[in-house]
Amino acid sequence: MKQKFDRLSAEFSKIATQRYSTSFSLGIRFLNKELHHPIYAIYGFVRFADEIVDSFHEYDKPMLLAQFKKDCFEAIENGISLNPILNSFQQVVRQYNIDHQLIHLFLKSMEMDLDKQSFSQEKYEEYILGSAEVVGLMCLFVFTGGDINRYYELMPAAKKLGSAFQKINFLRDIGSDFNNLNRTYFPDVDLGRFTEEDKRKIEQDIEQELDDALAGIKQLPNSSRQGVFLAYQYYRQLFNKIKSARACAIFSKRFRISNARKMVLLCDVFLKNKMNLI
């Protein structure tokens, strides 16, 4: 009977991913089919934790996050949770032997979001590690299928990719984070007087990380390379749109890639993969 509940849990993770991120869902479709459920499960887990700290303002967020963390590790230990998202996630953690320290680091970054704060360089790097880099490493455990040598070989590039994606998200959401959530992620930047030079320095950092990550994407197994490259191309397009805008514009406009453009990217990645150009 638990198999039926496990299938239902997997559906919950898939639905959560589709509701929260059309672009991420599109990338998952380009992975080999056997990787769909594990990556849906990872995204569902991190999305729910993020939702607690970003949206549940009328509730006791520290209490909810602490309970979510407790339930998560109990689910991993027991091999089951009545929370379908956590039940789906614990299966993947156990199946792929995902390092529990990655989960601790992720949840620590979520705890950092509970406090309204401006980040020092040290705190910024700690937050990026936990909120983004380790998520890429969880996925890498799945992509490398238990080949620990391959995992460590690709680890630096996976961290760069997660970091670049997160920093692009920071730029895209800079106005809402600052005005609505009172968050300032970028260290040594006064968002009350955000300049073109501030923006350019952040973009140079992201550009280097994207370049470093691409080399690692090209070394991924065939089962995951196309899907990850599609996500990379999507974020590269989003980044290019942000780069072309003035510093003042990104506070008032949330940049996005149109559905039509996403379809063009999808076809381009499909053809490049067929021609062994990735």
Protein backbone atom coordinates (compact mmCIF):
# COMPACT_ATOMS: atom_id res chain seq x y z
CA MET A 1 0.00 0.00 0.00
CA LYS A 2 2.86 2.42 0.68
CA GLN A 3 3.79 2.29 -3.00
CA LYS A 4 0.50 4.01 -3.78
CA PHE A 5 1.25 6.73 -1.21
CA ASP A 6 4.78 7.11 -2.59
CA ARG A 7 3.39 7.62 -6.09
CA LEU A 8 0.96 10.20 -4.72
CA SER A 9 3.85 11.95 -2.91
CA ALA A 10 5.82 12.09 -6.16
CA GLU A 11 2.82 13.70 -7.85
CA PHE A 12 2.69 16.36 -5.12
CA SER A 13 6.35 17.24 -5.75
CA LYS A 14 5.75 17.42 -9.49
CA ILE A 15 2.69 19.66 -9.07
CA ALA A 16 4.56 21.94 -6.66
CA THR A 17 7.38 22.35 -9.18
CA GLN A 18 4.99 23.05 -12.04
CA ARG A 19 3.00 25.60 -10.03
CA TYR A 20 6.04 27.50 -8.77
CA SER A 21 8.44 27.36 -11.72
CA THR A 22 7.51 26.80 -15.36
CA SER A 23 11.14 27.26 -16.44
CA PHE A 24 12.45 24.68 -13.96
CA SER A 25 9.70 22.27 -14.98
CA LEU A 26 10.71 22.70 -18.60
CA GLY A 27 14.32 21.84 -17.77
CA ILE A 28 13.27 18.69 -15.92
CA ARG A 29 11.37 17.47 -18.99
CA PHE A 30 14.70 17.44 -20.87
CA LEU A 31 16.27 15.12 -18.31
CA ASN A 32 16.02 11.36 -18.80
CA LYS A 33 12.70 10.13 -17.47
CA GLU A 34 14.19 8.25 -14.52
CA LEU A 35 15.57 11.55 -13.19
CA HIS A 36 12.25 13.41 -13.23
CA HIS A 37 10.93 12.28 -9.87
CA PRO A 38 14.18 12.81 -7.92
CA ILE A 39 14.62 16.38 -9.19
CA TYR A 40 10.93 17.21 -8.68
CA ALA A 41 11.34 15.95 -5.11
CA ILE A 42 14.38 18.13 -4.44
CA TYR A 43 12.73 21.22 -5.92
CA GLY A 44 9.49 20.60 -3.98
CA PHE A 45 11.44 20.40 -0.74
CA VAL A 46 13.45 23.58 -1.24
CA ARG A 47 10.44 25.45 -2.60
CA PHE A 48 8.31 24.67 0.45
CA ALA A 49 11.03 25.79 2.85
CA ASP A 50 11.48 29.00 0.86
CA GLU A 51 7.74 29.58 0.90
CA ILE A 52 7.70 29.49 4.69
CA VAL A 53 10.21 32.33 5.03
CA ASP A 54 8.97 34.38 2.08
CA SER A 55 5.18 34.20 2.33
CA PHE A 56 3.75 33.15 5.68
CA HIS A 57 4.00 36.60 7.26
CA GLU A 58 0.89 36.24 9.42
CA TYR A 59 2.22 33.07 11.05
CA ASP A 60 5.09 32.19 13.37
CA LYS A 61 7.66 31.54 10.65
CA PRO A 62 10.53 30.46 12.96
CA MET A 63 8.23 27.87 14.52
CA LEU A 64 7.01 26.62 11.13
CA LEU A 65 10.54 26.34 9.74
CA ALA A 66 11.79 24.55 12.86
CA GLN A 67 8.92 22.08 12.59
CA PHE A 68 9.61 21.57 8.89
CA LYS A 69 13.27 20.86 9.68
CA LYS A 70 12.37 18.42 12.47
CA ASP A 71 9.86 16.63 10.23
CA CYS A 72 12.41 16.46 7.41
CA PHE A 73 15.08 14.62 9.37
CA GLU A 74 12.54 12.37 11.08
CA ALA A 75 11.25 11.44 7.62
CA ILE A 76 14.77 10.59 6.45
CA GLU A 77 15.42 8.51 9.56
CA ASN A 78 12.08 6.69 9.47
CA GLY A 79 11.74 6.35 5.71
CA ILE A 80 8.29 7.91 5.65
CA SER A 81 6.42 11.16 6.27
CA LEU A 82 2.73 11.97 6.18
CA ASN A 83 3.77 15.24 4.49
CA PRO A 84 3.86 14.14 0.81
CA ILE A 85 6.58 16.65 -0.11
CA LEU A 86 8.84 15.40 2.67
CA ASN A 87 7.96 11.78 1.94
CA SER A 88 9.03 12.26 -1.66
CA PHE A 89 12.22 14.06 -0.62
CA GLN A 90 13.29 11.49 1.96
CA GLN A 91 13.04 8.75 -0.65
CA VAL A 92 15.50 10.58 -2.88
CA VAL A 93 17.88 11.36 0.00
CA ARG A 94 17.97 7.71 0.98
CA GLN A 95 18.10 6.32 -2.57
CA TYR A 96 20.98 8.52 -3.71
CA ASN A 97 22.72 8.76 -0.32
CA ILE A 98 22.58 12.56 -0.40
CA ASP A 99 24.87 14.10 2.21
CA HIS A 100 22.72 15.29 5.13
CA GLN A 101 25.10 18.20 5.68
CA LEU A 102 23.81 19.73 2.45
CA ILE A 103 20.29 19.73 3.89
CA HIS A 104 21.49 21.32 7.13
CA LEU A 105 23.29 24.06 5.19
CA PHE A 106 20.22 24.74 3.07
CA LEU A 107 17.91 25.06 6.07
CA LYS A 108 20.44 27.29 7.84
CA SER A 109 20.24 29.73 4.93
CA MET A 110 16.45 29.66 5.18
CA GLU A 111 16.81 30.54 8.86
CA MET A 112 18.99 33.50 7.86
CA ASP A 113 16.06 34.82 5.81
CA LEU A 114 13.94 35.07 8.94
CA ASP A 115 15.94 38.11 10.07
CA LYS A 116 15.81 41.42 8.22
CA GLN A 117 19.45 42.09 7.59
CA SER A 118 22.12 43.40 5.28
CA PHE A 119 24.74 40.78 4.56
CA SER A 120 28.46 41.10 5.11
CA GLN A 121 30.68 39.38 2.53
CA GLU A 122 31.08 36.41 4.86
CA LYS A 123 27.34 36.09 5.48
CA TYR A 124 26.61 36.58 1.78
CA GLU A 125 28.90 33.70 0.83
CA GLU A 126 27.41 31.54 3.61
CA TYR A 127 23.91 32.29 2.38
CA ILE A 128 24.76 31.56 -1.27
CA LEU A 129 26.36 28.27 -0.25
CA GLY A 130 23.30 27.12 1.67
CA SER A 131 20.51 28.53 -0.47
CA ALA A 132 21.87 27.68 -3.91
CA GLU A 133 25.17 25.82 -4.16
CA VAL A 134 24.06 22.89 -2.02
CA VAL A 135 20.83 22.55 -4.02
CA GLY A 136 22.96 22.06 -7.11
CA LEU A 137 25.00 19.48 -5.20
CA MET A 138 21.86 17.58 -4.15
CA CYS A 139 20.93 17.39 -7.83
CA LEU A 140 24.48 16.34 -8.69
CA PHE A 141 24.15 13.32 -6.38
CA VAL A 142 21.22 12.28 -8.58
CA PHE A 143 22.90 13.11 -11.88
CA THR A 144 26.04 11.13 -11.07
CA GLY A 145 24.01 8.15 -9.82
CA GLY A 146 26.29 7.17 -6.96
CA ASP A 147 29.59 7.68 -8.81
CA ILE A 148 31.29 9.56 -5.99
CA ASN A 149 34.45 10.26 -8.00
CA ARG A 150 32.40 11.88 -10.76
CA TYR A 151 30.47 13.81 -8.12
CA TYR A 152 33.62 15.36 -6.65
CA GLU A 153 34.99 16.07 -10.12
CA LEU A 154 31.89 18.06 -11.08
CA MET A 155 31.27 19.62 -7.66
CA PRO A 156 33.05 22.97 -8.31
CA ALA A 157 31.09 23.63 -11.51
CA ALA A 158 27.79 22.63 -9.88
CA LYS A 159 28.41 25.11 -7.06
CA LYS A 160 29.24 27.86 -9.57
CA LEU A 161 26.03 27.17 -11.47
CA GLY A 162 23.87 27.29 -8.35
CA SER A 163 25.59 30.46 -7.20
CA ALA A 164 25.14 32.18 -10.58
CA PHE A 165 21.46 31.24 -10.73
CA GLN A 166 20.87 32.61 -7.23
CA LYS A 167 22.64 35.89 -7.93
CA ILE A 168 20.60 36.35 -11.12
CA ASN A 169 17.49 35.77 -9.01
CA PHE A 170 18.74 38.40 -6.55
CA LEU A 171 19.11 40.94 -9.37
CA ARG A 172 15.74 40.07 -10.86
CA ASP A 173 13.98 40.39 -7.48
CA ILE A 174 16.09 43.22 -6.08
CA GLY A 175 13.18 45.67 -5.91
CA SER A 176 10.68 43.38 -4.20
CA ASP A 177 13.29 41.98 -1.80
CA PHE A 178 14.34 45.48 -0.74
CA ASN A 179 10.96 47.21 -0.71
CA ASN A 180 8.69 44.39 0.47
CA LEU A 181 10.91 42.05 2.51
CA ASN A 182 13.57 44.57 3.64
CA ARG A 183 16.33 42.26 2.42
CA THR A 184 19.68 43.38 1.08
CA TYR A 185 21.73 40.43 -0.12
CA PHE A 186 24.62 42.08 -1.95
CA PRO A 187 27.35 43.12 0.52
CA ASP A 188 28.75 46.66 0.56
CA VAL A 189 25.96 47.91 -1.72
CA ASP A 190 23.59 50.69 -0.68
CA LEU A 191 20.37 49.78 -2.47
CA GLY A 192 18.98 53.19 -1.61
CA ARG A 193 21.61 54.54 -4.01
CA PHE A 194 22.17 51.59 -6.35
CA THR A 195 24.54 52.70 -9.10
CA GLU A 196 25.51 51.46 -12.55
CA GLU A 197 28.93 50.61 -11.12
CA ASP A 198 27.33 48.50 -8.38
CA LYS A 199 25.32 46.64 -10.98
CA ARG A 200 28.32 46.16 -13.27
CA LYS A 201 30.47 44.61 -10.51
CA ILE A 202 27.71 42.14 -9.60
CA GLU A 203 27.26 41.24 -13.27
CA GLN A 204 30.98 40.61 -13.76
CA ASP A 205 30.90 38.14 -10.87
CA ILE A 206 27.89 36.34 -12.36
CA GLU A 207 29.42 36.27 -15.84
CA GLN A 208 32.53 34.52 -14.56
CA GLU A 209 30.51 31.93 -12.65
CA LEU A 210 28.35 31.18 -15.69
CA ASP A 211 31.46 30.64 -17.80
CA ASP A 212 32.99 28.35 -15.17
CA ALA A 213 29.74 26.38 -14.82
CA LEU A 214 29.38 25.75 -18.55
CA ALA A 215 32.54 23.67 -18.64
CA GLY A 216 31.06 21.40 -15.98
CA ILE A 217 27.70 21.11 -17.74
CA LYS A 218 29.45 19.74 -20.81
CA GLN A 219 30.92 16.95 -18.65
CA LEU A 220 27.59 15.83 -17.17
CA PRO A 221 26.23 12.38 -18.09
CA ASN A 222 24.02 12.26 -21.17
CA SER A 223 21.00 11.61 -18.96
CA SER A 224 21.17 15.09 -17.41
CA ARG A 225 23.29 17.28 -19.68
CA GLN A 226 20.50 18.51 -21.97
CA GLY A 227 18.13 19.48 -19.17
CA VAL A 228 20.79 21.34 -17.18
CA PHE A 229 21.98 23.11 -20.32
CA LEU A 230 18.42 24.26 -21.01
CA ALA A 231 18.21 25.75 -17.49
CA TYR A 232 21.60 27.39 -18.09
CA GLN A 233 20.42 28.91 -21.37
CA TYR A 234 17.24 30.20 -19.76
CA TYR A 235 19.17 31.94 -16.99
CA ARG A 236 21.73 33.26 -19.46
CA GLN A 237 18.91 34.88 -21.48
CA LEU A 238 17.37 36.33 -18.32
CA PHE A 239 20.76 37.64 -17.26
CA ASN A 240 21.31 39.29 -20.66
CA LYS A 241 17.98 41.12 -20.33
CA ILE A 242 18.92 42.39 -16.89
CA LYS A 243 22.38 43.43 -18.10
CA SER A 244 20.84 45.54 -20.87
CA ALA A 245 18.67 47.49 -18.41
CA ARG A 246 19.61 50.52 -16.36
CA ALA A 247 20.26 50.07 -12.65
CA CYS A 248 17.15 52.06 -11.74
CA ALA A 249 14.95 49.94 -14.04
CA ILE A 250 15.49 46.65 -12.25
CA PHE A 251 13.88 48.09 -9.11
CA SER A 252 10.57 48.70 -10.84
CA LYS A 253 10.38 45.81 -13.32
CA ARG A 254 10.62 42.06 -12.82
CA PHE A 255 12.33 40.69 -15.90
CA ARG A 256 11.15 37.40 -17.37
CA ILE A 257 11.53 35.26 -20.46
CA SER A 258 8.37 35.03 -22.55
CA ASN A 259 6.81 31.65 -23.27
CA ALA A 260 7.53 32.13 -26.96
CA ARG A 261 11.20 32.75 -26.21
CA LYS A 262 11.29 29.69 -23.96
CA MET A 263 10.07 27.57 -26.87
CA VAL A 264 12.82 28.98 -29.09
CA LEU A 265 15.39 28.10 -26.42
CA LEU A 266 13.91 24.62 -26.10
CA CYS A 267 14.25 23.96 -29.83
CA ASP A 268 17.76 25.42 -29.91
CA VAL A 269 18.94 23.20 -27.05
CA PHE A 270 17.28 20.14 -28.60
CA LEU A 271 19.07 20.70 -31.91
CA LYS A 272 22.42 21.41 -30.27
CA ASN A 273 22.14 18.21 -28.27
CA LYS A 274 21.27 16.21 -31.40
CA MET A 275 24.32 17.66 -33.15
CA ASN A 276 26.57 16.97 -30.11
CA LEU A 277 27.25 20.69 -29.70
CA ILE A 278 26.70 20.76 -25.94
